[in-house]
Amino acid sequence: MNWRRGLWRLWLVFSLCWIVAVGVAAWREEAWIGTRISACAEAKGAQGANPFSCFDRDELARLKSAPVGLADVAAVIKDYAAFAFLPPLIALVLGLLGVWVASGFARKSAREK
């Protein structure tokens, strides 16, 4: 039984599941809508209109129904990248430290004495 290979595969599976779950949660929250609202507010401010009109019910419905573009996806990735990748990396570092500490308690073989 190879513990290192098994734990490595377990970490890979859990990390992939975590990253996908964060991506789905971010997408379901419609995190990209904030980028659209700020762009709407800037455009209305430049036109001299009230930028707070971007928060009207009709305007929000229009912003949500617009197709999702590459800029929206990039904004979501930028906002959620640390939340998606830091926990798996921290778990990897802690696991490697645990293996390193546990290997220090291993018995010495006859050749190493």
PDB file of N, CA and C in Angstrom:
ATOM      1  N   MET A   1       0.835  -1.169   0.000  1.00  0.00           N
ATOM      2  CA  MET A   1       0.000   0.000   0.000  1.00  0.00           C
ATOM      3  C   MET A   1       0.890   1.245   0.000  1.00  0.00           C
ATOM      4  N   ASN A   2       0.661   2.133  -0.961  1.00  0.00           N
ATOM      5  CA  ASN A   2       1.458   3.345  -1.083  1.00  0.00           C
ATOM      6  C   ASN A   2       0.632   4.531  -0.570  1.00  0.00           C
ATOM      7  N   TRP A   3       0.942   4.969   0.656  1.00  0.00           N
ATOM      8  CA  TRP A   3       0.196   6.039   1.289  1.00  0.00           C
ATOM      9  C   TRP A   3       0.380   7.374   0.575  1.00  0.00           C
ATOM     10  N   ARG A   4       1.581   7.638   0.135  1.00  0.00           N
ATOM     11  CA  ARG A   4       1.831   8.939  -0.510  1.00  0.00           C
ATOM     12  C   ARG A   4       1.028   9.079  -1.800  1.00  0.00           C
ATOM     13  N   ARG A   5       1.029   8.046  -2.617  1.00  0.00           N
ATOM     14  CA  ARG A   5       0.279   8.107  -3.879  1.00  0.00           C
ATOM     15  C   ARG A   5      -1.220   8.200  -3.611  1.00  0.00           C
ATOM     16  N   GLY A   6      -1.706   7.453  -2.626  1.00  0.00           N
ATOM     17  CA  GLY A   6      -3.127   7.500  -2.288  1.00  0.00           C
ATOM     18  C   GLY A   6      -3.556   8.853  -1.754  1.00  0.00           C
ATOM     19  N   LEU A   7      -2.752   9.427  -0.865  1.00  0.00           N
ATOM     20  CA  LEU A   7      -3.080  10.756  -0.335  1.00  0.00           C
ATOM     21  C   LEU A   7      -2.981  11.834  -1.413  1.00  0.00           C
ATOM     22  N   TRP A   8      -2.023  11.689  -2.313  1.00  0.00           N
ATOM     23  CA  TRP A   8      -1.885  12.637  -3.427  1.00  0.00           C
ATOM     24  C   TRP A   8      -3.139  12.608  -4.307  1.00  0.00           C
ATOM     25  N   ARG A   9      -3.614  11.397  -4.634  1.00  0.00           N
ATOM     26  CA  ARG A   9      -4.815  11.269  -5.454  1.00  0.00           C
ATOM     27  C   ARG A   9      -6.041  11.790  -4.714  1.00  0.00           C
ATOM     28  N   LEU A  10      -6.126  11.535  -3.430  1.00  0.00           N
ATOM     29  CA  LEU A  10      -7.235  12.040  -2.630  1.00  0.00           C
ATOM     30  C   LEU A  10      -7.237  13.564  -2.618  1.00  0.00           C
ATOM     31  N   TRP A  11      -6.068  14.168  -2.456  1.00  0.00           N
ATOM     32  CA  TRP A  11      -5.965  15.624  -2.488  1.00  0.00           C
ATOM     33  C   TRP A  11      -6.393  16.167  -3.854  1.00  0.00           C
ATOM     34  N   LEU A  12      -5.962  15.506  -4.934  1.00  0.00           N
ATOM     35  CA  LEU A  12      -6.346  15.961  -6.276  1.00  0.00           C
ATOM     36  C   LEU A  12      -7.859  15.926  -6.465  1.00  0.00           C
ATOM     37  N   VAL A  13      -8.489  14.835  -6.038  1.00  0.00           N
ATOM     38  CA  VAL A  13      -9.936  14.703  -6.203  1.00  0.00           C
ATOM     39  C   VAL A  13     -10.675  15.760  -5.383  1.00  0.00           C
ATOM     40  N   PHE A  14     -10.305  15.921  -4.111  1.00  0.00           N
ATOM     41  CA  PHE A  14     -10.971  16.913  -3.273  1.00  0.00           C
ATOM     42  C   PHE A  14     -10.708  18.333  -3.759  1.00  0.00           C
ATOM     43  N   SER A  15      -9.514  18.608  -4.250  1.00  0.00           N
ATOM     44  CA  SER A  15      -9.208  19.945  -4.764  1.00  0.00           C
ATOM     45  C   SER A  15     -10.041  20.255  -6.001  1.00  0.00           C
ATOM     46  N   LEU A  16     -10.154  19.296  -6.887  1.00  0.00           N
ATOM     47  CA  LEU A  16     -10.964  19.500  -8.092  1.00  0.00           C
ATOM     48  C   LEU A  16     -12.427  19.715  -7.721  1.00  0.00           C
ATOM     49  N   CYS A  17     -12.935  18.921  -6.785  1.00  0.00           N
ATOM     50  CA  CYS A  17     -14.326  19.094  -6.333  1.00  0.00           C
ATOM     51  C   CYS A  17     -14.522  20.471  -5.706  1.00  0.00           C
ATOM     52  N   TRP A  18     -13.563  20.925  -4.918  1.00  0.00           N
ATOM     53  CA  TRP A  18     -13.654  22.236  -4.278  1.00  0.00           C
ATOM     54  C   TRP A  18     -13.678  23.353  -5.322  1.00  0.00           C
ATOM     55  N   ILE A  19     -12.788  23.278  -6.294  1.00  0.00           N
ATOM     56  CA  ILE A  19     -12.701  24.326  -7.314  1.00  0.00           C
ATOM     57  C   ILE A  19     -13.980  24.375  -8.143  1.00  0.00           C
ATOM     58  N   VAL A  20     -14.525  23.219  -8.495  1.00  0.00           N
ATOM     59  CA  VAL A  20     -15.777  23.187  -9.252  1.00  0.00           C
ATOM     60  C   VAL A  20     -16.925  23.731  -8.410  1.00  0.00           C
ATOM     61  N   ALA A  21     -16.969  23.365  -7.129  1.00  0.00           N
ATOM     62  CA  ALA A  21     -18.039  23.859  -6.258  1.00  0.00           C
ATOM     63  C   ALA A  21     -17.981  25.371  -6.102  1.00  0.00           C
ATOM     64  N   VAL A  22     -16.787  25.927  -5.965  1.00  0.00           N
ATOM     65  CA  VAL A  22     -16.648  27.379  -5.862  1.00  0.00           C
ATOM     66  C   VAL A  22     -17.084  28.036  -7.170  1.00  0.00           C
ATOM     67  N   GLY A  23     -16.728  27.444  -8.289  1.00  0.00           N
ATOM     68  CA  GLY A  23     -17.140  27.990  -9.584  1.00  0.00           C
ATOM     69  C   GLY A  23     -18.644  27.987  -9.759  1.00  0.00           C
ATOM     70  N   VAL A  24     -19.280  26.908  -9.385  1.00  0.00           N
ATOM     71  CA  VAL A  24     -20.740  26.819  -9.496  1.00  0.00           C
ATOM     72  C   VAL A  24     -21.409  27.809  -8.553  1.00  0.00           C
ATOM     73  N   ALA A  25     -20.907  27.903  -7.336  1.00  0.00           N
ATOM     74  CA  ALA A  25     -21.484  28.846  -6.376  1.00  0.00           C
ATOM     75  C   ALA A  25     -21.323  30.289  -6.853  1.00  0.00           C
ATOM     76  N   ALA A  26     -20.178  30.605  -7.399  1.00  0.00           N
ATOM     77  CA  ALA A  26     -19.945  31.963  -7.904  1.00  0.00           C
ATOM     78  C   ALA A  26     -20.875  32.264  -9.070  1.00  0.00           C
ATOM     79  N   TRP A  27     -21.071  31.299  -9.933  1.00  0.00           N
ATOM     80  CA  TRP A  27     -21.921  31.522 -11.090  1.00  0.00           C
ATOM     81  C   TRP A  27     -23.389  31.645 -10.679  1.00  0.00           C
ATOM     82  N   ARG A  28     -23.808  30.858  -9.711  1.00  0.00           N
ATOM     83  CA  ARG A  28     -25.202  30.913  -9.278  1.00  0.00           C
ATOM     84  C   ARG A  28     -25.507  32.207  -8.534  1.00  0.00           C
ATOM     85  N   GLU A  29     -24.502  32.801  -7.915  1.00  0.00           N
ATOM     86  CA  GLU A  29     -24.692  34.080  -7.230  1.00  0.00           C
ATOM     87  C   GLU A  29     -24.753  35.238  -8.206  1.00  0.00           C
ATOM     88  N   GLU A  30     -24.508  34.958  -9.456  1.00  0.00           N
ATOM     89  CA  GLU A  30     -24.448  35.993 -10.487  1.00  0.00           C
ATOM     90  C   GLU A  30     -23.453  37.081 -10.090  1.00  0.00           C
ATOM     91  N   ALA A  31     -22.249  36.643  -9.765  1.00  0.00           N
ATOM     92  CA  ALA A  31     -21.211  37.572  -9.332  1.00  0.00           C
ATOM     93  C   ALA A  31     -20.848  38.569 -10.431  1.00  0.00           C
ATOM     94  N   TRP A  32     -21.106  38.217 -11.663  1.00  0.00           N
ATOM     95  CA  TRP A  32     -20.779  39.091 -12.777  1.00  0.00           C
ATOM     96  C   TRP A  32     -21.692  40.307 -12.847  1.00  0.00           C
ATOM     97  N   ILE A  33     -22.823  40.293 -12.137  1.00  0.00           N
ATOM     98  CA  ILE A  33     -23.768  41.408 -12.229  1.00  0.00           C
ATOM     99  C   ILE A  33     -23.173  42.698 -11.662  1.00  0.00           C
ATOM    100  N   GLY A  34     -22.280  42.586 -10.691  1.00  0.00           N
ATOM    101  CA  GLY A  34     -21.648  43.777 -10.123  1.00  0.00           C
ATOM    102  C   GLY A  34     -20.832  44.544 -11.156  1.00  0.00           C
ATOM    103  N   THR A  35     -20.145  43.809 -12.020  1.00  0.00           N
ATOM    104  CA  THR A  35     -19.374  44.451 -13.087  1.00  0.00           C
ATOM    105  C   THR A  35     -20.298  45.192 -14.040  1.00  0.00           C
ATOM    106  N   ARG A  36     -21.422  44.576 -14.344  1.00  0.00           N
ATOM    107  CA  ARG A  36     -22.366  45.222 -15.254  1.00  0.00           C
ATOM    108  C   ARG A  36     -23.002  46.461 -14.625  1.00  0.00           C
ATOM    109  N   ILE A  37     -23.317  46.390 -13.349  1.00  0.00           N
ATOM    110  CA  ILE A  37     -23.921  47.548 -12.681  1.00  0.00           C
ATOM    111  C   ILE A  37     -22.936  48.715 -12.625  1.00  0.00           C
ATOM    112  N   SER A  38     -21.675  48.419 -12.326  1.00  0.00           N
ATOM    113  CA  SER A  38     -20.692  49.507 -12.282  1.00  0.00           C
ATOM    114  C   SER A  38     -20.468  50.104 -13.667  1.00  0.00           C
ATOM    115  N   ALA A  39     -20.481  49.267 -14.714  1.00  0.00           N
ATOM    116  CA  ALA A  39     -20.339  49.790 -16.073  1.00  0.00           C
ATOM    117  C   ALA A  39     -21.550  50.642 -16.449  1.00  0.00           C
ATOM    118  N   CYS A  40     -22.726  50.205 -16.038  1.00  0.00           N
ATOM    119  CA  CYS A  40     -23.948  50.975 -16.300  1.00  0.00           C
ATOM    120  C   CYS A  40     -23.892  52.327 -15.584  1.00  0.00           C
ATOM    121  N   ALA A  41     -23.448  52.302 -14.323  1.00  0.00           N
ATOM    122  CA  ALA A  41     -23.368  53.552 -13.555  1.00  0.00           C
ATOM    123  C   ALA A  41     -22.363  54.515 -14.177  1.00  0.00           C
ATOM    124  N   GLU A  42     -21.240  54.004 -14.641  1.00  0.00           N
ATOM    125  CA  GLU A  42     -20.247  54.870 -15.299  1.00  0.00           C
ATOM    126  C   GLU A  42     -20.809  55.465 -16.577  1.00  0.00           C
ATOM    127  N   ALA A  43     -21.508  54.638 -17.370  1.00  0.00           N
ATOM    128  CA  ALA A  43     -22.066  55.122 -18.630  1.00  0.00           C
ATOM    129  C   ALA A  43     -23.140  56.183 -18.381  1.00  0.00           C
ATOM    130  N   LYS A  44     -23.992  55.938 -17.408  1.00  0.00           N
ATOM    131  CA  LYS A  44     -25.055  56.917 -17.115  1.00  0.00           C
ATOM    132  C   LYS A  44     -24.460  58.196 -16.528  1.00  0.00           C
ATOM    133  N   GLY A  45     -23.413  58.060 -15.711  1.00  0.00           N
ATOM    134  CA  GLY A  45     -22.750  59.241 -15.167  1.00  0.00           C
ATOM    135  C   GLY A  45     -22.093  60.063 -16.261  1.00  0.00           C
ATOM    136  N   ALA A  46     -21.503  59.403 -17.258  1.00  0.00           N
ATOM    137  CA  ALA A  46     -20.874  60.114 -18.372  1.00  0.00           C
ATOM    138  C   ALA A  46     -21.912  60.822 -19.230  1.00  0.00           C
ATOM    139  N   GLN A  47     -23.118  60.251 -19.297  1.00  0.00           N
ATOM    140  CA  GLN A  47     -24.187  60.873 -20.084  1.00  0.00           C
ATOM    141  C   GLN A  47     -24.890  61.991 -19.314  1.00  0.00           C
ATOM    142  N   GLY A  48     -24.589  62.118 -18.050  1.00  0.00           N
ATOM    143  CA  GLY A  48     -25.240  63.130 -17.232  1.00  0.00           C
ATOM    144  C   GLY A  48     -26.532  62.641 -16.604  1.00  0.00           C
ATOM    145  N   ALA A  49     -26.841  61.355 -16.752  1.00  0.00           N
ATOM    146  CA  ALA A  49     -28.062  60.788 -16.165  1.00  0.00           C
ATOM    147  C   ALA A  49     -27.772  60.330 -14.737  1.00  0.00           C
ATOM    148  N   ASN A  50     -28.797  59.943 -14.052  1.00  0.00           N
ATOM    149  CA  ASN A  50     -28.671  59.484 -12.669  1.00  0.00           C
ATOM    150  C   ASN A  50     -28.061  58.071 -12.657  1.00  0.00           C
ATOM    151  N   PRO A  51     -26.869  57.889 -12.089  1.00  0.00           N
ATOM    152  CA  PRO A  51     -26.264  56.555 -12.082  1.00  0.00           C
ATOM    153  C   PRO A  51     -27.006  55.556 -11.198  1.00  0.00           C
ATOM    154  N   PHE A  52     -27.808  56.050 -10.262  1.00  0.00           N
ATOM    155  CA  PHE A  52     -28.554  55.144  -9.390  1.00  0.00           C
ATOM    156  C   PHE A  52     -29.744  54.496 -10.106  1.00  0.00           C
ATOM    157  N   SER A  53     -30.045  54.975 -11.296  1.00  0.00           N
ATOM    158  CA  SER A  53     -31.141  54.349 -12.047  1.00  0.00           C
ATOM    159  C   SER A  53     -30.757  52.954 -12.541  1.00  0.00           C
ATOM    160  N   CYS A  54     -29.484  52.597 -12.426  1.00  0.00           N
ATOM    161  CA  CYS A  54     -29.046  51.241 -12.788  1.00  0.00           C
ATOM    162  C   CYS A  54     -29.589  50.205 -11.811  1.00  0.00           C
ATOM    163  N   PHE A  55     -30.065  50.657 -10.645  1.00  0.00           N
ATOM    164  CA  PHE A  55     -30.589  49.740  -9.641  1.00  0.00           C
ATOM    165  C   PHE A  55     -32.109  49.574  -9.731  1.00  0.00           C
ATOM    166  N   ASP A  56     -32.734  50.201 -10.722  1.00  0.00           N
ATOM    167  CA  ASP A  56     -34.175  50.012 -10.923  1.00  0.00           C
ATOM    168  C   ASP A  56     -34.452  48.559 -11.284  1.00  0.00           C
ATOM    169  N   ARG A  57     -35.653  48.107 -10.977  1.00  0.00           N
ATOM    170  CA  ARG A  57     -36.020  46.716 -11.236  1.00  0.00           C
ATOM    171  C   ARG A  57     -35.923  46.382 -12.727  1.00  0.00           C
ATOM    172  N   ASP A  58     -36.398  47.280 -13.581  1.00  0.00           N
ATOM    173  CA  ASP A  58     -36.370  47.017 -15.024  1.00  0.00           C
ATOM    174  C   ASP A  58     -34.935  46.995 -15.556  1.00  0.00           C
ATOM    175  N   GLU A  59     -34.130  47.920 -15.052  1.00  0.00           N
ATOM    176  CA  GLU A  59     -32.733  47.980 -15.503  1.00  0.00           C
ATOM    177  C   GLU A  59     -31.957  46.751 -15.041  1.00  0.00           C
ATOM    178  N   LEU A  60     -32.189  46.289 -13.806  1.00  0.00           N
ATOM    179  CA  LEU A  60     -31.527  45.077 -13.318  1.00  0.00           C
ATOM    180  C   LEU A  60     -31.954  43.858 -14.118  1.00  0.00           C
ATOM    181  N   ALA A  61     -33.228  43.787 -14.483  1.00  0.00           N
ATOM    182  CA  ALA A  61     -33.704  42.667 -15.307  1.00  0.00           C
ATOM    183  C   ALA A  61     -33.030  42.687 -16.670  1.00  0.00           C
ATOM    184  N   ARG A  62     -32.851  43.877 -17.229  1.00  0.00           N
ATOM    185  CA  ARG A  62     -32.177  43.985 -18.530  1.00  0.00           C
ATOM    186  C   ARG A  62     -30.709  43.571 -18.418  1.00  0.00           C
ATOM    187  N   LEU A  63     -30.049  43.990 -17.343  1.00  0.00           N
ATOM    188  CA  LEU A  63     -28.639  43.639 -17.156  1.00  0.00           C
ATOM    189  C   LEU A  63     -28.458  42.139 -16.938  1.00  0.00           C
ATOM    190  N   LYS A  64     -29.390  41.515 -16.211  1.00  0.00           N
ATOM    191  CA  LYS A  64     -29.287  40.074 -15.961  1.00  0.00           C
ATOM    192  C   LYS A  64     -29.585  39.246 -17.201  1.00  0.00           C
ATOM    193  N   SER A  65     -30.443  39.756 -18.080  1.00  0.00           N
ATOM    194  CA  SER A  65     -30.826  38.977 -19.257  1.00  0.00           C
ATOM    195  C   SER A  65     -29.825  39.110 -20.403  1.00  0.00           C
ATOM    196  N   ALA A  66     -28.918  40.049 -20.320  1.00  0.00           N
ATOM    197  CA  ALA A  66     -27.924  40.216 -21.379  1.00  0.00           C
ATOM    198  C   ALA A  66     -26.986  39.012 -21.400  1.00  0.00           C
ATOM    199  N   PRO A  67     -26.497  38.636 -22.567  1.00  0.00           N
ATOM    200  CA  PRO A  67     -25.607  37.469 -22.633  1.00  0.00           C
ATOM    201  C   PRO A  67     -24.306  37.700 -21.849  1.00  0.00           C
ATOM    202  N   VAL A  68     -23.793  36.623 -21.302  1.00  0.00           N
ATOM    203  CA  VAL A  68     -22.568  36.691 -20.506  1.00  0.00           C
ATOM    204  C   VAL A  68     -21.377  36.698 -21.454  1.00  0.00           C
ATOM    205  N   GLY A  69     -20.505  37.664 -21.272  1.00  0.00           N
ATOM    206  CA  GLY A  69     -19.351  37.794 -22.135  1.00  0.00           C
ATOM    207  C   GLY A  69     -18.056  37.374 -21.443  1.00  0.00           C
ATOM    208  N   LEU A  70     -16.978  37.456 -22.178  1.00  0.00           N
ATOM    209  CA  LEU A  70     -15.671  37.082 -21.656  1.00  0.00           C
ATOM    210  C   LEU A  70     -15.234  37.999 -20.517  1.00  0.00           C
ATOM    211  N   ALA A  71     -15.605  39.268 -20.580  1.00  0.00           N
ATOM    212  CA  ALA A  71     -15.249  40.198 -19.499  1.00  0.00           C
ATOM    213  C   ALA A  71     -15.960  39.811 -18.208  1.00  0.00           C
ATOM    214  N   ASP A  72     -17.191  39.310 -18.315  1.00  0.00           N
ATOM    215  CA  ASP A  72     -17.917  38.874 -17.125  1.00  0.00           C
ATOM    216  C   ASP A  72     -17.248  37.659 -16.497  1.00  0.00           C
ATOM    217  N   VAL A  73     -16.843  36.718 -17.313  1.00  0.00           N
ATOM    218  CA  VAL A  73     -16.173  35.515 -16.821  1.00  0.00           C
ATOM    219  C   VAL A  73     -14.837  35.882 -16.184  1.00  0.00           C
ATOM    220  N   ALA A  74     -14.112  36.788 -16.793  1.00  0.00           N
ATOM    221  CA  ALA A  74     -12.822  37.220 -16.236  1.00  0.00           C
ATOM    222  C   ALA A  74     -13.015  37.906 -14.886  1.00  0.00           C
ATOM    223  N   ALA A  75     -14.068  38.694 -14.744  1.00  0.00           N
ATOM    224  CA  ALA A  75     -14.326  39.366 -13.471  1.00  0.00           C
ATOM    225  C   ALA A  75     -14.653  38.361 -12.370  1.00  0.00           C
ATOM    226  N   VAL A  76     -15.424  37.337 -12.695  1.00  0.00           N
ATOM    227  CA  VAL A  76     -15.769  36.309 -11.703  1.00  0.00           C
ATOM    228  C   VAL A  76     -14.528  35.528 -11.301  1.00  0.00           C
ATOM    229  N   ILE A  77     -13.708  35.178 -12.269  1.00  0.00           N
ATOM    230  CA  ILE A  77     -12.472  34.438 -11.966  1.00  0.00           C
ATOM    231  C   ILE A  77     -11.569  35.273 -11.073  1.00  0.00           C
ATOM    232  N   LYS A  78     -11.452  36.553 -11.371  1.00  0.00           N
ATOM    233  CA  LYS A  78     -10.599  37.430 -10.572  1.00  0.00           C
ATOM    234  C   LYS A  78     -11.107  37.555  -9.136  1.00  0.00           C
ATOM    235  N   ASP A  79     -12.424  37.634  -8.986  1.00  0.00           N
ATOM    236  CA  ASP A  79     -13.005  37.794  -7.652  1.00  0.00           C
ATOM    237  C   ASP A  79     -12.914  36.527  -6.814  1.00  0.00           C
ATOM    238  N   TYR A  80     -13.025  35.373  -7.429  1.00  0.00           N
ATOM    239  CA  TYR A  80     -13.109  34.120  -6.688  1.00  0.00           C
ATOM    240  C   TYR A  80     -11.860  33.253  -6.776  1.00  0.00           C
ATOM    241  N   ALA A  81     -10.807  33.708  -7.418  1.00  0.00           N
ATOM    242  CA  ALA A  81      -9.609  32.875  -7.604  1.00  0.00           C
ATOM    243  C   ALA A  81      -8.964  32.506  -6.267  1.00  0.00           C
ATOM    244  N   ALA A  82      -8.832  33.460  -5.388  1.00  0.00           N
ATOM    245  CA  ALA A  82      -8.198  33.159  -4.092  1.00  0.00           C
ATOM    246  C   ALA A  82      -9.046  32.186  -3.285  1.00  0.00           C
ATOM    247  N   PHE A  83     -10.361  32.365  -3.307  1.00  0.00           N
ATOM    248  CA  PHE A  83     -11.248  31.478  -2.561  1.00  0.00           C
ATOM    249  C   PHE A  83     -11.241  30.067  -3.145  1.00  0.00           C
ATOM    250  N   ALA A  84     -11.005  29.949  -4.442  1.00  0.00           N
ATOM    251  CA  ALA A  84     -11.013  28.633  -5.083  1.00  0.00           C
ATOM    252  C   ALA A  84      -9.693  27.899  -4.907  1.00  0.00           C
ATOM    253  N   PHE A  85      -8.573  28.612  -4.968  1.00  0.00           N
ATOM    254  CA  PHE A  85      -7.275  27.935  -5.015  1.00  0.00           C
ATOM    255  C   PHE A  85      -6.497  27.932  -3.703  1.00  0.00           C
ATOM    256  N   LEU A  86      -6.737  28.896  -2.825  1.00  0.00           N
ATOM    257  CA  LEU A  86      -5.968  28.930  -1.574  1.00  0.00           C
ATOM    258  C   LEU A  86      -6.263  27.765  -0.626  1.00  0.00           C
ATOM    259  N   PRO A  87      -7.521  27.385  -0.381  1.00  0.00           N
ATOM    260  CA  PRO A  87      -7.745  26.244   0.519  1.00  0.00           C
ATOM    261  C   PRO A  87      -7.085  24.937   0.059  1.00  0.00           C
ATOM    262  N   PRO A  88      -7.157  24.560  -1.239  1.00  0.00           N
ATOM    263  CA  PRO A  88      -6.434  23.353  -1.642  1.00  0.00           C
ATOM    264  C   PRO A  88      -4.917  23.476  -1.480  1.00  0.00           C
ATOM    265  N   LEU A  89      -4.376  24.660  -1.744  1.00  0.00           N
ATOM    266  CA  LEU A  89      -2.930  24.832  -1.582  1.00  0.00           C
ATOM    267  C   LEU A  89      -2.520  24.767  -0.108  1.00  0.00           C
ATOM    268  N   ILE A  90      -3.336  25.334   0.750  1.00  0.00           N
ATOM    269  CA  ILE A  90      -3.052  25.260   2.185  1.00  0.00           C
ATOM    270  C   ILE A  90      -3.132  23.817   2.661  1.00  0.00           C
ATOM    271  N   ALA A  91      -4.132  23.080   2.172  1.00  0.00           N
ATOM    272  CA  ALA A  91      -4.254  21.657   2.544  1.00  0.00           C
ATOM    273  C   ALA A  91      -3.053  20.863   2.049  1.00  0.00           C
ATOM    274  N   LEU A  92      -2.554  21.180   0.852  1.00  0.00           N
ATOM    275  CA  LEU A  92      -1.377  20.486   0.329  1.00  0.00           C
ATOM    276  C   LEU A  92      -0.153  20.767   1.194  1.00  0.00           C
ATOM    277  N   VAL A  93       0.052  22.012   1.547  1.00  0.00           N
ATOM    278  CA  VAL A  93       1.206  22.373   2.371  1.00  0.00           C
ATOM    279  C   VAL A  93       1.119  21.708   3.742  1.00  0.00           C
ATOM    280  N   LEU A  94      -0.052  21.741   4.350  1.00  0.00           N
ATOM    281  CA  LEU A  94      -0.209  21.097   5.652  1.00  0.00           C
ATOM    282  C   LEU A  94      -0.016  19.583   5.557  1.00  0.00           C
ATOM    283  N   GLY A  95      -0.485  18.981   4.477  1.00  0.00           N
ATOM    284  CA  GLY A  95      -0.276  17.546   4.275  1.00  0.00           C
ATOM    285  C   GLY A  95       1.190  17.202   4.105  1.00  0.00           C
ATOM    286  N   LEU A  96       1.898  18.007   3.325  1.00  0.00           N
ATOM    287  CA  LEU A  96       3.332  17.765   3.137  1.00  0.00           C
ATOM    288  C   LEU A  96       4.097  17.947   4.446  1.00  0.00           C
ATOM    289  N   LEU A  97       3.704  18.944   5.218  1.00  0.00           N
ATOM    290  CA  LEU A  97       4.339  19.126   6.529  1.00  0.00           C
ATOM    291  C   LEU A  97       4.046  17.945   7.455  1.00  0.00           C
ATOM    292  N   GLY A  98       2.824  17.438   7.393  1.00  0.00           N
ATOM    293  CA  GLY A  98       2.473  16.276   8.207  1.00  0.00           C
ATOM    294  C   GLY A  98       3.271  15.041   7.827  1.00  0.00           C
ATOM    295  N   VAL A  99       3.452  14.818   6.532  1.00  0.00           N
ATOM    296  CA  VAL A  99       4.260  13.683   6.069  1.00  0.00           C
ATOM    297  C   VAL A  99       5.711  13.864   6.502  1.00  0.00           C
ATOM    298  N   TRP A 100       6.211  15.084   6.419  1.00  0.00           N
ATOM    299  CA  TRP A 100       7.596  15.355   6.813  1.00  0.00           C
ATOM    300  C   TRP A 100       7.785  15.099   8.311  1.00  0.00           C
ATOM    301  N   VAL A 101       6.831  15.549   9.131  1.00  0.00           N
ATOM    302  CA  VAL A 101       6.925  15.323  10.579  1.00  0.00           C
ATOM    303  C   VAL A 101       6.807  13.834  10.886  1.00  0.00           C
ATOM    304  N   ALA A 102       5.870  13.152  10.246  1.00  0.00           N
ATOM    305  CA  ALA A 102       5.680  11.718  10.502  1.00  0.00           C
ATOM    306  C   ALA A 102       6.890  10.909  10.063  1.00  0.00           C
ATOM    307  N   SER A 103       7.555  11.325   9.002  1.00  0.00           N
ATOM    308  CA  SER A 103       8.737  10.582   8.551  1.00  0.00           C
ATOM    309  C   SER A 103       9.893  10.728   9.540  1.00  0.00           C
ATOM    310  N   GLY A 104       9.882  11.770  10.354  1.00  0.00           N
ATOM    311  CA  GLY A 104      10.921  11.947  11.371  1.00  0.00           C
ATOM    312  C   GLY A 104      10.784  10.958  12.515  1.00  0.00           C
ATOM    313  N   PHE A 105       9.592  10.377  12.689  1.00  0.00           N
ATOM    314  CA  PHE A 105       9.361   9.399  13.740  1.00  0.00           C
ATOM    315  C   PHE A 105       9.560   7.970  13.266  1.00  0.00           C
ATOM    316  N   ALA A 106       9.883   7.778  11.993  1.00  0.00           N
ATOM    317  CA  ALA A 106      10.057   6.429  11.458  1.00  0.00           C
ATOM    318  C   ALA A 106      11.282   5.768  12.095  1.00  0.00           C
ATOM    319  N   ARG A 107      11.190   4.472  12.271  1.00  0.00           N
ATOM    320  CA  ARG A 107      12.317   3.728  12.844  1.00  0.00           C
ATOM    321  C   ARG A 107      13.434   3.638  11.829  1.00  0.00           C
ATOM    322  N   LYS A 108      14.638   3.684  12.347  1.00  0.00           N
ATOM    323  CA  LYS A 108      15.805   3.570  11.467  1.00  0.00           C
ATOM    324  C   LYS A 108      15.993   2.090  11.141  1.00  0.00           C
ATOM    325  N   SER A 109      16.319   1.842   9.913  1.00  0.00           N
ATOM    326  CA  SER A 109      16.580   0.448   9.516  1.00  0.00           C
ATOM    327  C   SER A 109      18.002   0.066   9.941  1.00  0.00           C
ATOM    328  N   ALA A 110      18.327  -1.198   9.785  1.00  0.00           N
ATOM    329  CA  ALA A 110      19.638  -1.691  10.213  1.00  0.00           C
ATOM    330  C   ALA A 110      20.767  -1.050   9.405  1.00  0.00           C
ATOM    331  N   ARG A 111      20.459  -0.702   8.157  1.00  0.00           N
ATOM    332  CA  ARG A 111      21.496  -0.092   7.303  1.00  0.00           C
ATOM    333  C   ARG A 111      21.807   1.349   7.738  1.00  0.00           C
ATOM    334  N   GLU A 112      20.851   2.067   8.279  1.00  0.00           N
ATOM    335  CA  GLU A 112      21.046   3.475   8.633  1.00  0.00           C
ATOM    336  C   GLU A 112      21.727   3.652   9.981  1.00  0.00           C
ATOM    337  N   LYS A 113      21.816   2.618  10.823  1.00  0.00           N
ATOM    338  CA  LYS A 113      22.423   2.724  12.154  1.00  0.00           C
ATOM    339  C   LYS A 113      23.881   2.848  12.056  1.00  0.00           C
TER     340      LYS A 113
END
